Amino acid sequence: MTALPPPPRRRGVDVLGIIAVCLASLVTLPALGVFLIGLIPEMNAIWWLGLVLLPLLVLDGVVVVVLAIIGIAVGVRRRGPRSISIVALVVGILMLVPPFLLWVGSAI
């Protein structure tokens, strides 16, 4: 009898990247919805929801960036997939840009 070759090694899943993308979508999608609905002239009163969503956007953006950085580090260390963590990092940085621009714009 001949020995069978070992089965090919399965590559792991980028769990932290998936969690970070899911967390990013929890706040990004409602914020985008409020922005798009606020563009309708009859719905200008919805902008007050932005005051509620803006701090949540900052908190969630920080959590997403931290999870994505940890996911990238784990992926590099294990030589596993890290593409979803990179996408989560980009989305997390984009989540932090609007509050940062509002903060910088009010300081000028």
PDB file of N, CA and C in Angstrom:
ATOM      1  N   MET A   1       0.830  -1.188   0.000  1.00  0.00           N
ATOM      2  CA  MET A   1       0.000   0.000   0.000  1.00  0.00           C
ATOM      3  C   MET A   1       0.876   1.253   0.000  1.00  0.00           C
ATOM      4  N   THR A   2       0.430   2.207  -0.745  1.00  0.00           N
ATOM      5  CA  THR A   2       1.160   3.473  -0.772  1.00  0.00           C
ATOM      6  C   THR A   2       0.472   4.449   0.162  1.00  0.00           C
ATOM      7  N   ALA A   3       1.282   5.255   0.766  1.00  0.00           N
ATOM      8  CA  ALA A   3       0.732   6.255   1.700  1.00  0.00           C
ATOM      9  C   ALA A   3       0.119   7.405   0.913  1.00  0.00           C
ATOM     10  N   LEU A   4      -0.982   7.853   1.397  1.00  0.00           N
ATOM     11  CA  LEU A   4      -1.644   8.995   0.765  1.00  0.00           C
ATOM     12  C   LEU A   4      -0.944  10.291   1.176  1.00  0.00           C
ATOM     13  N   PRO A   5      -0.899  11.227   0.272  1.00  0.00           N
ATOM     14  CA  PRO A   5      -0.296  12.518   0.658  1.00  0.00           C
ATOM     15  C   PRO A   5      -1.193  13.217   1.678  1.00  0.00           C
ATOM     16  N   PRO A   6      -0.604  14.031   2.530  1.00  0.00           N
ATOM     17  CA  PRO A   6      -1.439  14.731   3.521  1.00  0.00           C
ATOM     18  C   PRO A   6      -2.405  15.687   2.823  1.00  0.00           C
ATOM     19  N   PRO A   7      -3.571  15.854   3.396  1.00  0.00           N
ATOM     20  CA  PRO A   7      -4.543  16.764   2.767  1.00  0.00           C
ATOM     21  C   PRO A   7      -4.010  18.191   2.778  1.00  0.00           C
ATOM     22  N   PRO A   8      -4.426  18.977   1.790  1.00  0.00           N
ATOM     23  CA  PRO A   8      -3.949  20.362   1.763  1.00  0.00           C
ATOM     24  C   PRO A   8      -4.433  21.126   2.998  1.00  0.00           C
ATOM     25  N   ARG A   9      -3.574  21.977   3.477  1.00  0.00           N
ATOM     26  CA  ARG A   9      -3.902  22.744   4.684  1.00  0.00           C
ATOM     27  C   ARG A   9      -4.921  23.821   4.349  1.00  0.00           C
ATOM     28  N   ARG A  10      -5.959  23.873   5.168  1.00  0.00           N
ATOM     29  CA  ARG A  10      -6.986  24.902   4.958  1.00  0.00           C
ATOM     30  C   ARG A  10      -6.506  26.218   5.517  1.00  0.00           C
ATOM     31  N   ARG A  11      -6.805  27.253   4.796  1.00  0.00           N
ATOM     32  CA  ARG A  11      -6.443  28.577   5.261  1.00  0.00           C
ATOM     33  C   ARG A  11      -7.516  29.049   6.235  1.00  0.00           C
ATOM     34  N   GLY A  12      -7.075  29.769   7.236  1.00  0.00           N
ATOM     35  CA  GLY A  12      -7.999  30.255   8.251  1.00  0.00           C
ATOM     36  C   GLY A  12      -8.912  31.352   7.721  1.00  0.00           C
ATOM     37  N   VAL A  13      -9.824  31.737   8.547  1.00  0.00           N
ATOM     38  CA  VAL A  13     -10.772  32.796   8.215  1.00  0.00           C
ATOM     39  C   VAL A  13     -10.396  34.033   9.018  1.00  0.00           C
ATOM     40  N   ASP A  14     -10.531  35.179   8.410  1.00  0.00           N
ATOM     41  CA  ASP A  14     -10.211  36.449   9.070  1.00  0.00           C
ATOM     42  C   ASP A  14     -11.397  36.867   9.942  1.00  0.00           C
ATOM     43  N   VAL A  15     -11.501  36.265  11.116  1.00  0.00           N
ATOM     44  CA  VAL A  15     -12.657  36.477  11.991  1.00  0.00           C
ATOM     45  C   VAL A  15     -12.721  37.917  12.489  1.00  0.00           C
ATOM     46  N   LEU A  16     -11.583  38.471  12.898  1.00  0.00           N
ATOM     47  CA  LEU A  16     -11.590  39.850  13.402  1.00  0.00           C
ATOM     48  C   LEU A  16     -11.990  40.842  12.317  1.00  0.00           C
ATOM     49  N   GLY A  17     -11.585  40.584  11.086  1.00  0.00           N
ATOM     50  CA  GLY A  17     -11.988  41.445   9.980  1.00  0.00           C
ATOM     51  C   GLY A  17     -13.481  41.384   9.726  1.00  0.00           C
ATOM     52  N   ILE A  18     -14.041  40.190   9.806  1.00  0.00           N
ATOM     53  CA  ILE A  18     -15.483  40.028   9.604  1.00  0.00           C
ATOM     54  C   ILE A  18     -16.251  40.738  10.719  1.00  0.00           C
ATOM     55  N   ILE A  19     -15.794  40.587  11.950  1.00  0.00           N
ATOM     56  CA  ILE A  19     -16.458  41.264  13.079  1.00  0.00           C
ATOM     57  C   ILE A  19     -16.362  42.774  12.919  1.00  0.00           C
ATOM     58  N   ALA A  20     -15.200  43.261  12.491  1.00  0.00           N
ATOM     59  CA  ALA A  20     -15.019  44.708  12.325  1.00  0.00           C
ATOM     60  C   ALA A  20     -15.912  45.257  11.221  1.00  0.00           C
ATOM     61  N   VAL A  21     -16.048  44.542  10.124  1.00  0.00           N
ATOM     62  CA  VAL A  21     -16.919  45.001   9.035  1.00  0.00           C
ATOM     63  C   VAL A  21     -18.378  45.008   9.481  1.00  0.00           C
ATOM     64  N   CYS A  22     -18.785  43.996  10.242  1.00  0.00           N
ATOM     65  CA  CYS A  22     -20.164  43.958  10.756  1.00  0.00           C
ATOM     66  C   CYS A  22     -20.422  45.117  11.713  1.00  0.00           C
ATOM     67  N   LEU A  23     -19.472  45.403  12.597  1.00  0.00           N
ATOM     68  CA  LEU A  23     -19.635  46.542  13.508  1.00  0.00           C
ATOM     69  C   LEU A  23     -19.681  47.864  12.745  1.00  0.00           C
ATOM     70  N   ALA A  24     -18.882  47.972  11.701  1.00  0.00           N
ATOM     71  CA  ALA A  24     -18.885  49.198  10.910  1.00  0.00           C
ATOM     72  C   ALA A  24     -20.229  49.403  10.222  1.00  0.00           C
ATOM     73  N   SER A  25     -20.828  48.332   9.751  1.00  0.00           N
ATOM     74  CA  SER A  25     -22.103  48.466   9.052  1.00  0.00           C
ATOM     75  C   SER A  25     -23.244  48.833   9.997  1.00  0.00           C
ATOM     76  N   LEU A  26     -23.112  48.510  11.288  1.00  0.00           N
ATOM     77  CA  LEU A  26     -24.184  48.820  12.239  1.00  0.00           C
ATOM     78  C   LEU A  26     -24.421  50.316  12.388  1.00  0.00           C
ATOM     79  N   VAL A  27     -23.386  51.124  12.250  1.00  0.00           N
ATOM     80  CA  VAL A  27     -23.549  52.569  12.424  1.00  0.00           C
ATOM     81  C   VAL A  27     -23.441  53.304  11.092  1.00  0.00           C
ATOM     82  N   THR A  28     -22.653  52.787  10.172  1.00  0.00           N
ATOM     83  CA  THR A  28     -22.442  53.484   8.903  1.00  0.00           C
ATOM     84  C   THR A  28     -23.719  53.524   8.070  1.00  0.00           C
ATOM     85  N   LEU A  29     -24.432  52.428   8.000  1.00  0.00           N
ATOM     86  CA  LEU A  29     -25.651  52.398   7.187  1.00  0.00           C
ATOM     87  C   LEU A  29     -26.739  53.333   7.712  1.00  0.00           C
ATOM     88  N   PRO A  30     -27.038  53.374   9.026  1.00  0.00           N
ATOM     89  CA  PRO A  30     -28.019  54.363   9.495  1.00  0.00           C
ATOM     90  C   PRO A  30     -27.543  55.806   9.294  1.00  0.00           C
ATOM     91  N   ALA A  31     -26.248  56.065   9.470  1.00  0.00           N
ATOM     92  CA  ALA A  31     -25.739  57.423   9.256  1.00  0.00           C
ATOM     93  C   ALA A  31     -25.885  57.828   7.799  1.00  0.00           C
ATOM     94  N   LEU A  32     -25.598  56.918   6.891  1.00  0.00           N
ATOM     95  CA  LEU A  32     -25.770  57.197   5.469  1.00  0.00           C
ATOM     96  C   LEU A  32     -27.244  57.406   5.139  1.00  0.00           C
ATOM     97  N   GLY A  33     -28.111  56.616   5.754  1.00  0.00           N
ATOM     98  CA  GLY A  33     -29.553  56.800   5.549  1.00  0.00           C
ATOM     99  C   GLY A  33     -30.043  58.154   6.028  1.00  0.00           C
ATOM    100  N   VAL A  34     -29.577  58.594   7.191  1.00  0.00           N
ATOM    101  CA  VAL A  34     -29.969  59.908   7.709  1.00  0.00           C
ATOM    102  C   VAL A  34     -29.466  61.006   6.777  1.00  0.00           C
ATOM    103  N   PHE A  35     -28.252  60.857   6.275  1.00  0.00           N
ATOM    104  CA  PHE A  35     -27.709  61.852   5.357  1.00  0.00           C
ATOM    105  C   PHE A  35     -28.516  61.926   4.071  1.00  0.00           C
ATOM    106  N   LEU A  36     -28.843  60.765   3.491  1.00  0.00           N
ATOM    107  CA  LEU A  36     -29.590  60.763   2.235  1.00  0.00           C
ATOM    108  C   LEU A  36     -31.026  61.242   2.419  1.00  0.00           C
ATOM    109  N   ILE A  37     -31.667  60.867   3.517  1.00  0.00           N
ATOM    110  CA  ILE A  37     -33.027  61.344   3.775  1.00  0.00           C
ATOM    111  C   ILE A  37     -33.017  62.838   4.063  1.00  0.00           C
ATOM    112  N   GLY A  38     -31.958  63.327   4.707  1.00  0.00           N
ATOM    113  CA  GLY A  38     -31.858  64.756   5.009  1.00  0.00           C
ATOM    114  C   GLY A  38     -31.696  65.624   3.784  1.00  0.00           C
ATOM    115  N   LEU A  39     -31.299  65.042   2.665  1.00  0.00           N
ATOM    116  CA  LEU A  39     -31.182  65.815   1.431  1.00  0.00           C
ATOM    117  C   LEU A  39     -32.534  66.138   0.808  1.00  0.00           C
ATOM    118  N   ILE A  40     -33.574  65.396   1.194  1.00  0.00           N
ATOM    119  CA  ILE A  40     -34.917  65.682   0.699  1.00  0.00           C
ATOM    120  C   ILE A  40     -35.422  66.937   1.402  1.00  0.00           C
ATOM    121  N   PRO A  41     -35.898  67.956   0.665  1.00  0.00           N
ATOM    122  CA  PRO A  41     -36.284  69.223   1.305  1.00  0.00           C
ATOM    123  C   PRO A  41     -37.353  69.078   2.390  1.00  0.00           C
ATOM    124  N   GLU A  42     -38.293  68.162   2.232  1.00  0.00           N
ATOM    125  CA  GLU A  42     -39.360  68.020   3.221  1.00  0.00           C
ATOM    126  C   GLU A  42     -38.873  67.313   4.483  1.00  0.00           C
ATOM    127  N   MET A  43     -37.709  66.686   4.437  1.00  0.00           N
ATOM    128  CA  MET A  43     -37.223  65.893   5.567  1.00  0.00           C
ATOM    129  C   MET A  43     -36.041  66.551   6.276  1.00  0.00           C
ATOM    130  N   ASN A  44     -35.946  67.858   6.234  1.00  0.00           N
ATOM    131  CA  ASN A  44     -34.826  68.543   6.869  1.00  0.00           C
ATOM    132  C   ASN A  44     -34.822  68.381   8.384  1.00  0.00           C
ATOM    133  N   ALA A  45     -35.935  68.024   8.973  1.00  0.00           N
ATOM    134  CA  ALA A  45     -36.003  67.879  10.423  1.00  0.00           C
ATOM    135  C   ALA A  45     -35.270  66.628  10.917  1.00  0.00           C
ATOM    136  N   ILE A  46     -34.825  65.766  10.000  1.00  0.00           N
ATOM    137  CA  ILE A  46     -34.155  64.536  10.418  1.00  0.00           C
ATOM    138  C   ILE A  46     -32.704  64.779  10.796  1.00  0.00           C
ATOM    139  N   TRP A  47     -32.167  65.962  10.564  1.00  0.00           N
ATOM    140  CA  TRP A  47     -30.755  66.215  10.842  1.00  0.00           C
ATOM    141  C   TRP A  47     -30.426  66.089  12.325  1.00  0.00           C
ATOM    142  N   TRP A  48     -31.404  66.187  13.213  1.00  0.00           N
ATOM    143  CA  TRP A  48     -31.109  66.031  14.641  1.00  0.00           C
ATOM    144  C   TRP A  48     -30.613  64.615  14.941  1.00  0.00           C
ATOM    145  N   LEU A  49     -30.983  63.636  14.105  1.00  0.00           N
ATOM    146  CA  LEU A  49     -30.473  62.279  14.298  1.00  0.00           C
ATOM    147  C   LEU A  49     -28.963  62.223  14.084  1.00  0.00           C
ATOM    148  N   GLY A  50     -28.436  63.156  13.303  1.00  0.00           N
ATOM    149  CA  GLY A  50     -26.991  63.226  13.120  1.00  0.00           C
ATOM    150  C   GLY A  50     -26.277  63.525  14.423  1.00  0.00           C
ATOM    151  N   LEU A  51     -26.918  64.289  15.302  1.00  0.00           N
ATOM    152  CA  LEU A  51     -26.323  64.573  16.609  1.00  0.00           C
ATOM    153  C   LEU A  51     -26.216  63.315  17.459  1.00  0.00           C
ATOM    154  N   VAL A  52     -27.143  62.392  17.259  1.00  0.00           N
ATOM    155  CA  VAL A  52     -27.104  61.132  17.994  1.00  0.00           C
ATOM    156  C   VAL A  52     -26.109  60.164  17.341  1.00  0.00           C
ATOM    157  N   LEU A  53     -26.097  60.144  16.015  1.00  0.00           N
ATOM    158  CA  LEU A  53     -25.255  59.185  15.301  1.00  0.00           C
ATOM    159  C   LEU A  53     -23.785  59.577  15.255  1.00  0.00           C
ATOM    160  N   LEU A  54     -23.475  60.865  15.380  1.00  0.00           N
ATOM    161  CA  LEU A  54     -22.081  61.303  15.271  1.00  0.00           C
ATOM    162  C   LEU A  54     -21.195  60.738  16.385  1.00  0.00           C
ATOM    163  N   PRO A  55     -21.593  60.811  17.660  1.00  0.00           N
ATOM    164  CA  PRO A  55     -20.757  60.170  18.684  1.00  0.00           C
ATOM    165  C   PRO A  55     -20.672  58.654  18.517  1.00  0.00           C
ATOM    166  N   LEU A  56     -21.765  58.026  18.086  1.00  0.00           N
ATOM    167  CA  LEU A  56     -21.727  56.585  17.839  1.00  0.00           C
ATOM    168  C   LEU A  56     -20.790  56.255  16.682  1.00  0.00           C
ATOM    169  N   LEU A  57     -20.742  57.137  15.690  1.00  0.00           N
ATOM    170  CA  LEU A  57     -19.839  56.943  14.563  1.00  0.00           C
ATOM    171  C   LEU A  57     -18.388  56.989  15.017  1.00  0.00           C
ATOM    172  N   VAL A  58     -18.075  57.911  15.928  1.00  0.00           N
ATOM    173  CA  VAL A  58     -16.701  58.021  16.433  1.00  0.00           C
ATOM    174  C   VAL A  58     -16.338  56.790  17.274  1.00  0.00           C
ATOM    175  N   LEU A  59     -17.201  56.423  18.204  1.00  0.00           N
ATOM    176  CA  LEU A  59     -16.911  55.271  19.072  1.00  0.00           C
ATOM    177  C   LEU A  59     -16.775  53.984  18.262  1.00  0.00           C
ATOM    178  N   ASP A  60     -17.700  53.765  17.359  1.00  0.00           N
ATOM    179  CA  ASP A  60     -17.668  52.561  16.543  1.00  0.00           C
ATOM    180  C   ASP A  60     -16.472  52.583  15.592  1.00  0.00           C
ATOM    181  N   GLY A  61     -16.130  53.749  15.084  1.00  0.00           N
ATOM    182  CA  GLY A  61     -14.971  53.861  14.201  1.00  0.00           C
ATOM    183  C   GLY A  61     -13.677  53.506  14.903  1.00  0.00           C
ATOM    184  N   VAL A  62     -13.536  53.930  16.147  1.00  0.00           N
ATOM    185  CA  VAL A  62     -12.333  53.596  16.916  1.00  0.00           C
ATOM    186  C   VAL A  62     -12.269  52.096  17.177  1.00  0.00           C
ATOM    187  N   VAL A  63     -13.402  51.495  17.548  1.00  0.00           N
ATOM    188  CA  VAL A  63     -13.434  50.050  17.810  1.00  0.00           C
ATOM    189  C   VAL A  63     -13.107  49.271  16.533  1.00  0.00           C
ATOM    190  N   VAL A  64     -13.649  49.714  15.402  1.00  0.00           N
ATOM    191  CA  VAL A  64     -13.398  49.036  14.122  1.00  0.00           C
ATOM    192  C   VAL A  64     -11.928  49.136  13.743  1.00  0.00           C
ATOM    193  N   VAL A  65     -11.327  50.313  13.915  1.00  0.00           N
ATOM    194  CA  VAL A  65      -9.907  50.481  13.574  1.00  0.00           C
ATOM    195  C   VAL A  65      -9.039  49.584  14.459  1.00  0.00           C
ATOM    196  N   VAL A  66      -9.329  49.535  15.748  1.00  0.00           N
ATOM    197  CA  VAL A  66      -8.535  48.690  16.658  1.00  0.00           C
ATOM    198  C   VAL A  66      -8.677  47.218  16.282  1.00  0.00           C
ATOM    199  N   LEU A  67      -9.910  46.754  16.041  1.00  0.00           N
ATOM    200  CA  LEU A  67     -10.114  45.362  15.648  1.00  0.00           C
ATOM    201  C   LEU A  67      -9.423  45.044  14.329  1.00  0.00           C
ATOM    202  N   ALA A  68      -9.471  45.977  13.395  1.00  0.00           N
ATOM    203  CA  ALA A  68      -8.843  45.746  12.093  1.00  0.00           C
ATOM    204  C   ALA A  68      -7.326  45.669  12.223  1.00  0.00           C
ATOM    205  N   ILE A  69      -6.733  46.525  13.040  1.00  0.00           N
ATOM    206  CA  ILE A  69      -5.281  46.483  13.228  1.00  0.00           C
ATOM    207  C   ILE A  69      -4.876  45.170  13.893  1.00  0.00           C
ATOM    208  N   ILE A  70      -5.636  44.732  14.885  1.00  0.00           N
ATOM    209  CA  ILE A  70      -5.343  43.447  15.529  1.00  0.00           C
ATOM    210  C   ILE A  70      -5.515  42.311  14.525  1.00  0.00           C
ATOM    211  N   GLY A  71      -6.557  42.385  13.695  1.00  0.00           N
ATOM    212  CA  GLY A  71      -6.771  41.356  12.672  1.00  0.00           C
ATOM    213  C   GLY A  71      -5.643  41.306  11.654  1.00  0.00           C
ATOM    214  N   ILE A  72      -5.118  42.454  11.265  1.00  0.00           N
ATOM    215  CA  ILE A  72      -3.987  42.486  10.334  1.00  0.00           C
ATOM    216  C   ILE A  72      -2.750  41.886  10.992  1.00  0.00           C
ATOM    217  N   ALA A  73      -2.508  42.246  12.246  1.00  0.00           N
ATOM    218  CA  ALA A  73      -1.336  41.706  12.949  1.00  0.00           C
ATOM    219  C   ALA A  73      -1.432  40.193  13.101  1.00  0.00           C
ATOM    220  N   VAL A  74      -2.616  39.682  13.448  1.00  0.00           N
ATOM    221  CA  VAL A  74      -2.795  38.237  13.586  1.00  0.00           C
ATOM    222  C   VAL A  74      -2.641  37.552  12.231  1.00  0.00           C
ATOM    223  N   GLY A  75      -3.173  38.170  11.177  1.00  0.00           N
ATOM    224  CA  GLY A  75      -3.044  37.590   9.841  1.00  0.00           C
ATOM    225  C   GLY A  75      -1.610  37.530   9.364  1.00  0.00           C
ATOM    226  N   VAL A  76      -0.836  38.565   9.657  1.00  0.00           N
ATOM    227  CA  VAL A  76       0.576  38.559   9.270  1.00  0.00           C
ATOM    228  C   VAL A  76       1.332  37.508  10.069  1.00  0.00           C
ATOM    229  N   ARG A  77       1.046  37.425  11.349  1.00  0.00           N
ATOM    230  CA  ARG A  77       1.765  36.482  12.211  1.00  0.00           C
ATOM    231  C   ARG A  77       1.472  35.027  11.833  1.00  0.00           C
ATOM    232  N   ARG A  78       0.224  34.743  11.518  1.00  0.00           N
ATOM    233  CA  ARG A  78      -0.162  33.372  11.163  1.00  0.00           C
ATOM    234  C   ARG A  78      -0.039  33.089   9.669  1.00  0.00           C
ATOM    235  N   ARG A  79       0.338  34.089   8.899  1.00  0.00           N
ATOM    236  CA  ARG A  79       0.418  33.988   7.438  1.00  0.00           C
ATOM    237  C   ARG A  79      -0.920  33.567   6.858  1.00  0.00           C
ATOM    238  N   GLY A  80      -1.963  34.153   7.396  1.00  0.00           N
ATOM    239  CA  GLY A  80      -3.308  33.841   6.947  1.00  0.00           C
ATOM    240  C   GLY A  80      -3.900  35.006   6.173  1.00  0.00           C
ATOM    241  N   PRO A  81      -5.165  34.908   5.846  1.00  0.00           N
ATOM    242  CA  PRO A  81      -5.814  35.984   5.091  1.00  0.00           C
ATOM    243  C   PRO A  81      -5.986  37.229   5.950  1.00  0.00           C
ATOM    244  N   ARG A  82      -5.832  38.368   5.338  1.00  0.00           N
ATOM    245  CA  ARG A  82      -5.999  39.625   6.059  1.00  0.00           C
ATOM    246  C   ARG A  82      -6.686  40.689   5.208  1.00  0.00           C
ATOM    247  N   SER A  83      -7.263  40.295   4.086  1.00  0.00           N
ATOM    248  CA  SER A  83      -7.868  41.277   3.190  1.00  0.00           C
ATOM    249  C   SER A  83      -9.107  41.923   3.809  1.00  0.00           C
ATOM    250  N   ILE A  84      -9.905  41.168   4.534  1.00  0.00           N
ATOM    251  CA  ILE A  84     -11.110  41.736   5.143  1.00  0.00           C
ATOM    252  C   ILE A  84     -10.724  42.709   6.251  1.00  0.00           C
ATOM    253  N   SER A  85      -9.648  42.427   6.971  1.00  0.00           N
ATOM    254  CA  SER A  85      -9.179  43.361   7.996  1.00  0.00           C
ATOM    255  C   SER A  85      -8.690  44.663   7.367  1.00  0.00           C
ATOM    256  N   ILE A  86      -8.070  44.578   6.204  1.00  0.00           N
ATOM    257  CA  ILE A  86      -7.624  45.798   5.517  1.00  0.00           C
ATOM    258  C   ILE A  86      -8.833  46.617   5.073  1.00  0.00           C
ATOM    259  N   VAL A  87      -9.854  45.944   4.555  1.00  0.00           N
ATOM    260  CA  VAL A  87     -11.087  46.644   4.170  1.00  0.00           C
ATOM    261  C   VAL A  87     -11.727  47.288   5.398  1.00  0.00           C
ATOM    262  N   ALA A  88     -11.749  46.569   6.521  1.00  0.00           N
ATOM    263  CA  ALA A  88     -12.323  47.111   7.757  1.00  0.00           C
ATOM    264  C   ALA A  88     -11.529  48.319   8.241  1.00  0.00           C
ATOM    265  N   LEU A  89     -10.206  48.288   8.091  1.00  0.00           N
ATOM    266  CA  LEU A  89      -9.382  49.428   8.485  1.00  0.00           C
ATOM    267  C   LEU A  89      -9.713  50.660   7.649  1.00  0.00           C
ATOM    268  N   VAL A  90      -9.879  50.466   6.351  1.00  0.00           N
ATOM    269  CA  VAL A  90     -10.230  51.593   5.476  1.00  0.00           C
ATOM    270  C   VAL A  90     -11.606  52.141   5.829  1.00  0.00           C
ATOM    271  N   VAL A  91     -12.567  51.255   6.060  1.00  0.00           N
ATOM    272  CA  VAL A  91     -13.921  51.702   6.427  1.00  0.00           C
ATOM    273  C   VAL A  91     -13.900  52.409   7.781  1.00  0.00           C
ATOM    274  N   GLY A  92     -13.130  51.894   8.732  1.00  0.00           N
ATOM    275  CA  GLY A  92     -13.032  52.540  10.044  1.00  0.00           C
ATOM    276  C   GLY A  92     -12.422  53.930   9.956  1.00  0.00           C
ATOM    277  N   ILE A  93     -11.398  54.084   9.117  1.00  0.00           N
ATOM    278  CA  ILE A  93     -10.805  55.419   8.933  1.00  0.00           C
ATOM    279  C   ILE A  93     -11.799  56.345   8.260  1.00  0.00           C
ATOM    280  N   LEU A  94     -12.546  55.834   7.281  1.00  0.00           N
ATOM    281  CA  LEU A  94     -13.567  56.664   6.630  1.00  0.00           C
ATOM    282  C   LEU A  94     -14.691  57.042   7.591  1.00  0.00           C
ATOM    283  N   MET A  95     -14.946  56.202   8.587  1.00  0.00           N
ATOM    284  CA  MET A  95     -15.952  56.542   9.594  1.00  0.00           C
ATOM    285  C   MET A  95     -15.481  57.681  10.484  1.00  0.00           C
ATOM    286  N   LEU A  96     -14.179  57.821  10.662  1.00  0.00           N
ATOM    287  CA  LEU A  96     -13.642  58.864  11.531  1.00  0.00           C
ATOM    288  C   LEU A  96     -13.411  60.192  10.805  1.00  0.00           C
ATOM    289  N   VAL A  97     -13.462  60.191   9.487  1.00  0.00           N
ATOM    290  CA  VAL A  97     -13.183  61.414   8.730  1.00  0.00           C
ATOM    291  C   VAL A  97     -14.267  62.489   8.926  1.00  0.00           C
ATOM    292  N   PRO A  98     -15.574  62.205   8.788  1.00  0.00           N
ATOM    293  CA  PRO A  98     -16.568  63.276   8.951  1.00  0.00           C
ATOM    294  C   PRO A  98     -16.548  63.943  10.332  1.00  0.00           C
ATOM    295  N   PRO A  99     -16.482  63.188  11.444  1.00  0.00           N
ATOM    296  CA  PRO A  99     -16.397  63.876  12.741  1.00  0.00           C
ATOM    297  C   PRO A  99     -15.116  64.700  12.874  1.00  0.00           C
ATOM    298  N   PHE A 100     -14.010  64.191  12.311  1.00  0.00           N
ATOM    299  CA  PHE A 100     -12.753  64.939  12.363  1.00  0.00           C
ATOM    300  C   PHE A 100     -12.864  66.234  11.576  1.00  0.00           C
ATOM    301  N   LEU A 101     -13.506  66.181  10.404  1.00  0.00           N
ATOM    302  CA  LEU A 101     -13.661  67.400   9.614  1.00  0.00           C
ATOM    303  C   LEU A 101     -14.576  68.409  10.320  1.00  0.00           C
ATOM    304  N   LEU A 102     -15.611  67.922  10.982  1.00  0.00           N
ATOM    305  CA  LEU A 102     -16.474  68.830  11.748  1.00  0.00           C
ATOM    306  C   LEU A 102     -15.707  69.459  12.909  1.00  0.00           C
ATOM    307  N   TRP A 103     -14.859  68.687  13.562  1.00  0.00           N
ATOM    308  CA  TRP A 103     -14.079  69.188  14.687  1.00  0.00           C
ATOM    309  C   TRP A 103     -13.059  70.211  14.217  1.00  0.00           C
ATOM    310  N   VAL A 104     -12.360  69.928  13.145  1.00  0.00           N
ATOM    311  CA  VAL A 104     -11.347  70.852  12.612  1.00  0.00           C
ATOM    312  C   VAL A 104     -12.022  72.088  12.026  1.00  0.00           C
ATOM    313  N   GLY A 105     -13.159  71.884  11.361  1.00  0.00           N
ATOM    314  CA  GLY A 105     -13.855  73.021  10.762  1.00  0.00           C
ATOM    315  C   GLY A 105     -14.393  73.990  11.798  1.00  0.00           C
ATOM    316  N   SER A 106     -14.798  73.473  12.945  1.00  0.00           N
ATOM    317  CA  SER A 106     -15.327  74.365  13.988  1.00  0.00           C
ATOM    318  C   SER A 106     -14.206  75.083  14.725  1.00  0.00           C
ATOM    319  N   ALA A 107     -12.981  74.550  14.634  1.00  0.00           N
ATOM    320  CA  ALA A 107     -11.856  75.188  15.319  1.00  0.00           C
ATOM    321  C   ALA A 107     -11.278  76.352  14.514  1.00  0.00           C
ATOM    322  N   ILE A 108     -11.567  76.375  13.231  1.00  0.00           N
ATOM    323  CA  ILE A 108     -11.001  77.435  12.381  1.00  0.00           C
ATOM    324  C   ILE A 108     -11.860  78.675  12.447  1.00  0.00           C
TER     325      ILE A 108
END
